[in-house]
Protein backbone atom coordinates (compact mmCIF):
# COMPACT_ATOMS: atom_id res chain seq x y z
CA UNK A 1 0.02 -0.29 0.13
CA UNK A 2 1.44 3.52 -0.53
CA UNK A 3 1.77 5.45 1.98
CA UNK A 4 -1.28 8.21 3.02
CA UNK A 5 -1.00 12.01 2.05
CA UNK A 6 -1.28 14.34 -0.98
CA UNK A 7 0.17 14.51 -3.73
CA UNK A 8 -0.44 17.91 -5.43
CA UNK A 9 -0.65 17.51 -9.28
CA UNK A 10 0.50 20.33 -11.80
CA UNK A 11 -2.45 19.38 -13.98
CA UNK A 12 -1.86 19.55 -17.58
CA UNK A 13 -4.06 21.25 -20.43
CA UNK A 14 -6.30 18.72 -21.89
CA UNK A 15 -7.00 16.21 -18.89
CA UNK A 16 -10.26 17.06 -16.69
CA UNK A 17 -9.63 16.16 -13.05
CA UNK A 18 -10.90 12.80 -13.37
CA UNK A 19 -8.34 11.83 -15.86
CA UNK A 20 -5.80 13.12 -13.41
CA UNK A 21 -7.10 10.67 -10.50
CA UNK A 22 -6.85 7.91 -12.62
CA UNK A 23 -3.22 8.45 -14.05
CA UNK A 24 -2.55 8.51 -10.28
CA UNK A 25 -4.40 5.34 -9.83
CA UNK A 26 -2.06 3.30 -12.07
CA UNK A 27 0.99 5.78 -11.00
CA UNK A 28 0.34 4.51 -7.22
CA UNK A 29 -1.17 1.32 -8.15
CA UNK A 30 -3.89 1.96 -5.80
CA UNK A 31 -7.81 3.19 -6.46
CA UNK A 32 -7.99 4.76 -2.93
CA UNK A 33 -7.13 8.22 -4.58
CA UNK A 34 -9.76 11.16 -4.87
CA UNK A 35 -9.08 14.59 -5.94
CA UNK A 36 -10.62 18.32 -4.62
CA UNK A 37 -11.36 21.42 -5.88
CA UNK A 38 -11.94 20.53 -9.85
CA UNK A 39 -9.91 21.94 -12.94
CA UNK A 40 -11.84 22.57 -16.43
CA UNK A 41 -10.01 20.57 -19.13
CA UNK A 42 -8.52 23.44 -20.70
CA UNK A 43 -6.98 24.66 -17.23
CA UNK A 44 -3.24 23.79 -15.65
CA UNK A 45 -2.02 24.10 -12.58
CA UNK A 46 -2.97 22.93 -9.02
CA UNK A 47 -4.89 20.30 -8.21
CA UNK A 48 -5.46 18.26 -4.47
CA UNK A 49 -5.53 14.56 -5.00
CA UNK A 50 -5.70 12.59 -1.80
CA UNK A 51 -4.10 9.26 -1.37
CA UNK A 52 -5.26 6.11 0.78
CA UNK A 53 -6.21 7.92 4.25
CA UNK A 54 -5.31 11.03 2.65
CA UNK A 55 -9.18 10.80 1.03
CA UNK A 56 -10.60 11.95 4.37
CA UNK A 57 -8.82 15.05 4.69
CA UNK A 58 -10.17 16.29 0.93
CA UNK A 59 -13.49 17.20 2.26
CA UNK A 60 -12.22 19.22 5.16
CA UNK A 61 -9.54 21.49 3.76
CA UNK A 62 -9.83 24.96 4.07
CA UNK A 63 -9.82 25.32 -0.09
CA UNK A 64 -11.71 28.72 -0.20
CA UNK A 65 -9.47 31.23 -1.63
CA UNK A 66 -7.42 30.41 -5.15
CA UNK A 67 -5.02 32.18 -7.34
CA UNK A 68 -4.68 32.32 -10.74
CA UNK A 69 -2.27 33.41 -14.08
CA UNK A 70 -4.80 33.93 -17.30
CA UNK A 71 -4.77 35.32 -20.67
CA UNK A 72 -8.26 37.16 -21.43
CA UNK A 73 -8.32 37.89 -25.25
CA UNK A 74 -11.26 41.44 -25.71
CA UNK A 75 -12.71 41.62 -29.37
CA UNK A 76 -14.83 38.60 -29.12
CA UNK A 77 -17.69 36.41 -26.50
CA UNK A 78 -18.17 32.79 -27.35
CA UNK A 79 -20.72 30.24 -25.93
CA UNK A 80 -18.44 29.25 -23.27
CA UNK A 81 -16.89 32.10 -22.12
CA UNK A 82 -13.54 31.01 -23.21
CA UNK A 83 -11.79 29.67 -26.40
CA UNK A 84 -13.65 26.17 -26.89
CA UNK A 85 -16.54 28.00 -27.29
CA UNK A 86 -18.37 28.99 -30.77
CA UNK A 87 -18.21 32.97 -31.15
CA UNK A 88 -21.13 34.83 -30.35
CA UNK A 89 -20.29 38.48 -31.58
CA UNK A 90 -17.80 41.36 -30.78
CA UNK A 91 -15.96 44.30 -31.66
CA UNK A 92 -12.68 45.68 -33.02
CA UNK A 93 -10.72 45.80 -29.92
CA UNK A 94 -7.25 46.71 -31.28
CA UNK A 95 -7.10 50.22 -29.53
CA UNK A 96 -9.16 49.77 -26.67
CA UNK A 97 -7.87 52.19 -24.06
CA UNK A 98 -5.63 50.44 -21.04
CA UNK A 99 -7.12 53.00 -18.96
CA UNK A 100 -10.55 52.00 -19.27
CA UNK A 101 -9.35 48.21 -19.38
CA UNK A 102 -7.79 48.54 -15.78
CA UNK A 103 -10.87 50.91 -14.80
CA UNK A 104 -13.46 47.60 -15.97
CA UNK A 105 -11.12 45.38 -13.93
CA UNK A 106 -11.25 47.93 -10.82
CA UNK A 107 -15.04 47.11 -11.30
CA UNK A 108 -15.15 43.71 -11.11
CA UNK A 109 -12.79 43.72 -8.45
CA UNK A 110 -13.79 43.20 -4.25
CA UNK A 111 -16.98 41.95 -3.04
CA UNK A 112 -18.89 41.30 -6.48
CA UNK A 113 -22.66 39.54 -7.96
CA UNK A 114 -21.02 37.36 -10.50
CA UNK A 115 -23.43 34.90 -13.05
CA UNK A 116 -21.22 31.58 -13.89
CA UNK A 117 -20.80 30.55 -17.59
CA UNK A 118 -23.83 28.27 -18.52
CA UNK A 119 -21.16 25.50 -19.38
CA UNK A 120 -20.09 26.05 -15.73
CA UNK A 121 -20.57 22.97 -13.13
CA UNK A 122 -23.56 24.90 -11.12
CA UNK A 123 -26.10 22.54 -10.02
CA UNK A 124 -29.41 23.76 -11.50
CA UNK A 125 -32.60 21.35 -10.28
CA UNK A 126 -30.14 18.81 -9.72
CA UNK A 127 -28.38 18.53 -13.05
CA UNK A 128 -25.21 20.71 -13.83
CA UNK A 129 -25.30 23.24 -16.12
CA UNK A 130 -23.26 22.33 -19.06
CA UNK A 131 -25.14 19.47 -18.94
CA UNK A 132 -28.01 20.68 -19.54
CA UNK A 133 -26.83 22.88 -22.31
CA UNK A 134 -25.34 20.35 -24.55
CA UNK A 135 -28.73 19.05 -23.60
CA UNK A 136 -30.32 21.64 -25.81
CA UNK A 137 -31.80 23.75 -22.89
CA UNK A 138 -31.77 27.29 -22.72
CA UNK A 139 -29.86 28.11 -19.09
CA UNK A 140 -30.52 30.57 -17.24
CA UNK A 141 -28.25 30.68 -13.40
CA UNK A 142 -28.65 33.13 -10.98
CA UNK A 143 -25.80 35.69 -9.67
CA UNK A 144 -23.60 34.75 -6.57
CA UNK A 145 -21.66 36.39 -4.24
CA UNK A 146 -18.10 35.86 -4.96
CA UNK A 147 -14.66 37.80 -3.73
CA UNK A 148 -12.12 38.97 -6.67
CA UNK A 149 -9.13 40.12 -4.03
CA UNK A 150 -7.08 41.11 -7.10
CA UNK A 151 -7.70 41.08 -10.61
CA UNK A 152 -4.26 42.69 -12.06
CA UNK A 153 -3.02 43.56 -15.48
CA UNK A 154 0.45 41.85 -15.93
CA UNK A 155 0.94 42.55 -19.84
CA UNK A 156 -1.15 43.58 -22.45
CA UNK A 157 -0.62 43.13 -26.24
CA UNK A 158 -2.21 44.49 -29.43
CA UNK A 159 -3.74 42.24 -32.44
CA UNK A 160 -5.58 42.41 -35.20
CA UNK A 161 -8.89 43.48 -34.10
CA UNK A 162 -7.90 42.35 -30.96
CA UNK A 163 -6.12 43.17 -27.43
CA UNK A 164 -4.50 39.94 -25.24
CA UNK A 165 -4.40 40.54 -21.29
CA UNK A 166 -2.51 38.66 -19.11
CA UNK A 167 -3.35 38.78 -15.65
CA UNK A 168 -3.49 37.58 -12.01
CA UNK A 169 -6.57 36.79 -10.31
CA UNK A 170 -7.00 35.80 -6.82
CA UNK A 171 -10.25 35.06 -5.15
CA UNK A 172 -12.74 33.32 -3.36
CA UNK A 173 -14.04 29.33 -4.12
CA UNK A 174 -16.81 29.64 -6.55
CA UNK A 175 -15.48 32.23 -8.55
CA UNK A 176 -15.32 32.14 -12.62
CA UNK A 177 -12.30 33.52 -14.29
CA UNK A 178 -14.06 32.89 -17.20
CA UNK A 179 -17.11 34.83 -16.51
CA UNK A 180 -14.41 37.79 -15.33
CA UNK A 181 -13.31 37.58 -18.87
CA UNK A 182 -16.55 37.45 -19.87
CA UNK A 183 -17.80 40.53 -17.84
CA UNK A 184 -14.90 42.82 -18.57
CA UNK A 185 -15.24 42.40 -22.57
CA UNK A 186 -19.15 43.37 -22.17
CA UNK A 187 -18.27 46.49 -20.29
CA UNK A 188 -15.86 47.43 -22.79
CA UNK A 189 -18.38 46.76 -25.32
CA UNK A 190 -16.00 44.52 -27.13
CA UNK A 191 -16.85 41.24 -26.16
CA UNK A 192 -13.85 39.00 -24.02
CA UNK A 193 -13.43 35.51 -23.35
CA UNK A 194 -10.58 33.43 -22.00
CA UNK A 195 -7.23 31.41 -23.95
CA UNK A 196 -5.53 30.54 -20.95
CA UNK A 197 -5.91 29.73 -17.27
CA UNK A 198 -3.44 28.28 -15.03
CA UNK A 199 -4.22 28.06 -11.20
CA UNK A 200 -1.20 28.88 -9.25
CA UNK A 201 -2.65 28.28 -5.57
CA UNK A 202 -5.23 26.61 -4.13
CA UNK A 203 -5.58 27.07 0.17
CA UNK A 204 -2.21 26.62 1.41
CA UNK A 205 -1.28 24.54 -1.46
CA UNK A 206 0.69 26.29 -4.44
CA UNK A 207 3.17 25.27 -7.54
CA UNK A 208 6.08 24.95 -5.43
CA UNK A 209 4.22 21.55 -3.98
CA UNK A 210 2.81 20.33 -7.42
CA UNK A 211 4.52 18.08 -9.56
CA UNK A 212 3.89 17.06 -13.12
CA UNK A 213 2.26 13.57 -14.00
CA UNK A 214 5.86 12.71 -15.60
CA UNK A 215 7.99 13.45 -12.10
CA UNK A 216 5.29 11.11 -11.28
CA UNK A 217 5.62 9.01 -13.69
CA UNK A 218 9.93 8.76 -13.18
CA UNK A 219 9.77 8.70 -9.19
CA UNK A 220 5.97 8.32 -7.51
CA UNK A 221 6.12 10.57 -5.02
CA UNK A 222 3.80 12.00 -2.34
CA UNK A 223 3.88 15.82 -2.12
CA UNK A 224 2.97 15.74 1.84
CA UNK A 225 2.98 12.83 3.69
CA UNK A 226 -0.55 12.90 6.12
CA UNK A 227 1.07 14.54 8.91
CA UNK A 228 2.63 17.43 6.93
CA UNK A 229 -0.64 17.62 5.19
CA UNK A 230 -2.26 18.21 8.08
CA UNK A 231 0.45 20.45 9.25
CA UNK A 232 0.31 22.65 6.08
CA UNK A 233 -3.74 23.06 6.24
CA UNK A 234 -4.58 22.80 9.41
CA UNK A 235 -3.92 24.66 12.78
CA UNK A 236 -1.98 22.41 14.99
CA UNK A 237 -2.87 21.21 18.99
CA UNK A 238 -0.19 19.17 19.99
CA UNK A 239 -1.82 16.31 22.97
CA UNK A 240 -0.28 14.35 25.32
CA UNK A 241 -0.46 10.37 24.89
CA UNK A 242 -3.76 10.33 27.05
CA UNK A 243 -5.49 12.47 25.22
CA UNK A 244 -4.24 11.37 21.65
CA UNK A 245 -5.31 7.81 22.68
CA UNK A 246 -8.91 9.14 23.66
CA UNK A 247 -8.95 10.75 20.23
CA UNK A 248 -7.74 8.03 18.65
CA UNK A 249 -11.05 5.76 20.46
CA UNK A 250 -13.49 8.75 18.62
CA UNK A 251 -13.58 10.21 22.19
CA UNK A 252 -14.39 14.24 22.40
CA UNK A 253 -11.28 16.57 24.11
CA UNK A 254 -10.97 19.38 26.33
CA UNK A 255 -11.36 22.53 24.20
CA UNK A 256 -8.09 24.36 23.73
CA UNK A 257 -9.59 27.66 22.44
CA UNK A 258 -9.03 27.01 18.49
CA UNK A 259 -11.28 28.30 15.57
CA UNK A 260 -12.44 26.09 12.87
CA UNK A 261 -11.17 22.62 12.41
CA UNK A 262 -7.74 21.70 13.55
CA UNK A 263 -5.25 19.16 13.87
CA UNK A 264 -4.36 17.47 16.73
CA UNK A 265 -0.88 15.54 17.04
CA UNK A 266 0.50 12.60 19.48
CA UNK A 267 3.84 12.85 21.13
CA UNK A 268 5.49 11.37 18.63
CA UNK A 269 4.49 14.04 15.84
CA UNK A 270 1.86 12.22 14.16
CA UNK A 271 -1.69 13.27 13.53
CA UNK A 272 -4.26 11.44 15.13
CA UNK A 273 -6.85 13.48 13.93
CA UNK A 274 -9.14 16.49 13.27
CA UNK A 275 -11.51 18.19 15.84
CA UNK A 276 -13.63 21.25 15.98
CA UNK A 277 -14.83 23.16 19.05
CA UNK A 278 -18.51 23.13 19.37
CA UNK A 279 -21.02 22.51 22.61
CA UNK A 280 -18.01 22.55 25.50
CA UNK A 281 -15.89 20.02 23.67
CA UNK A 282 -13.41 19.48 20.81
CA UNK A 283 -15.47 16.47 18.78
CA UNK A 284 -13.64 14.56 16.28
CA UNK A 285 -14.56 15.29 12.98
CA UNK A 286 -11.92 12.65 11.09
CA UNK A 287 -9.90 9.98 13.54
CA UNK A 288 -6.97 9.18 11.14
CA UNK A 289 -4.89 6.96 13.94
CA UNK A 290 -8.13 4.95 15.17
CA UNK A 291 -7.06 2.53 17.70
CA UNK A 292 -6.23 -0.82 17.08
CA UNK A 293 -4.97 0.40 13.39
CA UNK A 294 -1.53 -0.82 13.65
CA UNK A 295 -0.52 2.10 12.03
CA UNK A 296 1.15 5.79 12.80
CA UNK A 297 -1.74 8.61 11.74
CA UNK A 298 0.93 9.50 8.96
CA UNK A 299 2.39 6.71 7.95
CA UNK A 300 5.79 7.53 8.06
CA UNK A 301 7.96 10.49 6.99
CA UNK A 302 6.19 13.64 6.26
CA UNK A 303 6.84 13.20 2.45
CA UNK A 304 8.62 10.55 0.24
CA UNK A 305 8.41 7.53 -2.23
CA UNK A 306 5.26 5.90 -3.03
CA UNK A 307 7.28 2.55 -4.31
CA UNK A 308 4.98 1.35 -6.92
CA UNK A 309 5.07 -2.98 -6.21
CA UNK A 310 6.82 -5.15 -8.45
CA UNK A 311 4.81 -7.05 -11.20
CA UNK A 312 3.78 -6.76 -14.66
């Protein structure tokens, strides 16, 4: 069995998040792999995947802030708000003023109401919006509140009737960068769509943690072992042996005054589980090292190789 923990993948363009999981299952020779924070096929960058007991962390990771670099093309809109859609109109954007572009970006910065793309994964009456579009339905998605903490212009390139913008975006979960491209182009009266998207950070995980699938093929290894993953993603509480043993049995602990979900570590440095304080006690959210499991919570070193077993 591979060691438990997280693999942070630098996802290539053209693969779905499910495709990446399928590749990891083959590379690591285990089916117990999941992912968090889905990326569109055209996007590249940080995709967080859990291995073995690391999958237990995925639903509790604070992935509520994300960062991207992207390229927006002004001068045309599309059905999908990105380069994979069909053109739906636009106007000559070769001479659109840089001051106007920056002003338009400022309008889309801060707390805003955003309508997701009609081909997004937002559910409408229990069905994904993109599935309804593919079935020929007219889809109207209500606006949602999101926060764009940064929408900055890094470079501007003029072309034949178009202007390409390299931008940096930091935002809350649920923000669609392609919708920012659409709305910027609409506000400038020339149309706009996304031509490239790279996620550079999701929650505390960055490209510095990430490895390509090719690198993982050559050297199957975790980005973070279970102990390191918990220490990176959650506040830490160090417990004595008796308290750690209580949590390993699923018992609530005395409160420590720590907000939100946090990790509890045994004296040997291994993560025992995640807890959250409510009703006067620190109650188990996930027990990572149950009593009698016979294995330390962290599965060994904080990060290390995940050797593939011998065989054909």
